Amino acid sequence: MRIAIAADHRGYAAKEKMCLLLNEQGHDVIDMGTNSARSCDYTDLAYVASTAVAAGQADTAVLLCGSGIGMSISANKVHGVRAALCSDELTAQMARRHNNANVLCLAADLLGEELMRRIIEV
């Protein structure tokens, strides 16, 4: 699966770890930034990754920011994107199964690495 991934400065460290996980699982990961912990605007990154999904360049996307809320709001402005902010495995499963979510948003400041891994695996 082709998975676009993007994060703002608060989600950068988690994004790097999730990129490794997705690569280990055999996915084709498209890293759309940011590429440092320097402050940046999450809306720009959400737009780039969400547009890739809407255009068919990626099958799905994972977006990370501090709370996940900003990325979710921004991603859902892109026509054809159904972004879901998930906080556990059940919300991820329900978002995919019942809402056909194609973009996963995660709160890098609120979720631990292990929980993010489990959510992504679902």
Protein backbone atom coordinates (compact mmCIF):
# COMPACT_ATOMS: atom_id res chain seq x y z
CA MET A 1 0.00 0.00 0.00
CA ARG A 2 1.19 3.53 -0.78
CA ILE A 3 0.97 5.59 2.39
CA ALA A 4 1.66 9.32 2.52
CA ILE A 5 2.85 10.54 5.91
CA ALA A 6 3.26 14.09 7.16
CA ALA A 7 3.68 15.89 10.46
CA ASP A 8 4.25 19.33 11.83
CA HIS A 9 7.13 20.10 14.18
CA ARG A 10 5.31 18.59 17.17
CA GLY A 11 4.69 15.34 15.32
CA TYR A 12 8.09 15.13 13.61
CA ALA A 13 9.76 12.64 16.00
CA ALA A 14 6.72 10.34 15.97
CA LYS A 15 6.51 10.57 12.17
CA GLU A 16 10.07 9.36 11.83
CA LYS A 17 9.30 6.32 14.01
CA MET A 18 6.04 5.57 12.18
CA CYS A 19 7.86 5.77 8.83
CA LEU A 20 10.18 3.00 10.02
CA LEU A 21 7.24 0.90 11.18
CA LEU A 22 5.39 1.28 7.88
CA ASN A 23 8.53 0.46 5.89
CA GLU A 24 9.09 -2.65 8.02
CA GLN A 25 5.53 -3.72 7.22
CA GLY A 26 6.33 -3.51 3.51
CA HIS A 27 4.40 -0.36 2.66
CA ASP A 28 5.58 2.20 0.12
CA VAL A 29 5.93 5.27 2.35
CA ILE A 30 5.80 8.73 0.83
CA ASP A 31 7.30 11.13 3.39
CA MET A 32 5.80 14.55 2.76
CA GLY A 33 7.52 16.39 5.63
CA THR A 34 8.30 18.12 7.80
CA ASN A 35 11.91 17.11 7.95
CA SER A 36 12.92 18.77 11.21
CA ALA A 37 11.60 19.83 14.60
CA ARG A 38 11.58 23.49 13.56
CA SER A 39 8.23 25.22 13.85
CA CYS A 40 6.05 24.92 10.73
CA ASP A 41 2.43 25.29 9.70
CA TYR A 42 0.49 22.02 9.94
CA THR A 43 -2.07 23.16 7.39
CA ASP A 44 0.45 23.13 4.54
CA LEU A 45 1.54 19.58 5.36
CA ALA A 46 -2.00 18.29 5.81
CA TYR A 47 -2.93 19.73 2.42
CA VAL A 48 -0.02 18.11 0.56
CA ALA A 49 -0.62 14.64 2.00
CA SER A 50 -4.41 14.83 1.69
CA THR A 51 -4.19 16.01 -1.90
CA ALA A 52 -1.97 13.00 -2.67
CA VAL A 53 -4.71 10.71 -1.36
CA ALA A 54 -7.48 12.53 -3.23
CA ALA A 55 -5.46 12.43 -6.47
CA GLY A 56 -4.73 8.71 -6.13
CA GLN A 57 -0.99 9.19 -5.65
CA ALA A 58 -1.34 7.54 -2.23
CA ASP A 59 -3.86 4.99 -1.02
CA THR A 60 -4.05 6.51 2.43
CA ALA A 61 -2.23 8.96 4.68
CA VAL A 62 -1.10 9.30 8.28
CA LEU A 63 -0.96 12.85 9.68
CA LEU A 64 0.58 13.76 13.03
CA CYS A 65 0.49 16.97 15.02
CA GLY A 66 0.38 17.81 18.70
CA SER A 67 -3.33 17.18 19.26
CA GLY A 68 -4.27 15.70 15.88
CA ILE A 69 -7.17 18.13 15.71
CA GLY A 70 -5.58 20.67 13.37
CA MET A 71 -4.46 18.02 10.91
CA SER A 72 -7.92 16.45 10.95
CA ILE A 73 -9.69 19.75 10.29
CA SER A 74 -7.26 20.69 7.52
CA ALA A 75 -7.33 17.28 5.83
CA ASN A 76 -11.12 17.19 5.75
CA LYS A 77 -11.17 20.38 3.68
CA VAL A 78 -9.77 18.41 0.72
CA HIS A 79 -12.51 16.97 -1.50
CA GLY A 80 -12.49 13.17 -1.38
CA VAL A 81 -10.68 12.94 1.95
CA ARG A 82 -12.27 11.36 4.99
CA ALA A 83 -9.85 12.06 7.82
CA ALA A 84 -10.37 10.57 11.27
CA LEU A 85 -8.65 11.56 14.49
CA CYS A 86 -8.16 8.26 16.30
CA SER A 87 -7.12 7.79 19.90
CA ASP A 88 -7.16 4.00 20.18
CA GLU A 89 -7.47 0.82 18.16
CA LEU A 90 -11.28 0.77 18.32
CA THR A 91 -11.72 4.28 16.93
CA ALA A 92 -9.27 3.43 14.13
CA GLN A 93 -11.13 0.23 13.32
CA MET A 94 -14.51 1.96 13.33
CA ALA A 95 -13.25 4.89 11.25
CA ARG A 96 -11.93 2.54 8.57
CA ARG A 97 -14.72 -0.02 8.61
CA HIS A 98 -17.79 2.18 9.06
CA ASN A 99 -16.69 5.58 7.77
CA ASN A 100 -14.26 4.45 5.08
CA ALA A 101 -11.66 6.88 6.43
CA ASN A 102 -8.70 7.27 4.10
CA VAL A 103 -6.59 9.57 6.31
CA LEU A 104 -5.54 8.73 9.87
CA CYS A 105 -4.75 11.63 12.20
CA LEU A 106 -2.80 11.07 15.39
CA ALA A 107 -2.03 13.23 18.43
CA ALA A 108 1.74 13.01 18.84
CA ASP A 109 1.69 14.85 22.19
CA LEU A 110 -1.03 12.67 23.70
CA LEU A 111 -0.40 9.14 22.44
CA GLY A 112 2.62 7.03 23.26
CA GLU A 113 4.69 5.38 20.57
CA GLU A 114 3.35 1.88 21.31
CA LEU A 115 -0.28 3.01 21.08
CA MET A 116 0.40 4.85 17.81
CA ARG A 117 1.95 1.65 16.44
CA ARG A 118 -1.11 -0.38 17.39
CA ILE A 119 -3.48 2.18 15.88
CA ILE A 120 -1.54 2.20 12.62
CA GLU A 121 -1.51 -1.60 12.48
CA VAL A 122 -5.32 -1.62 12.77
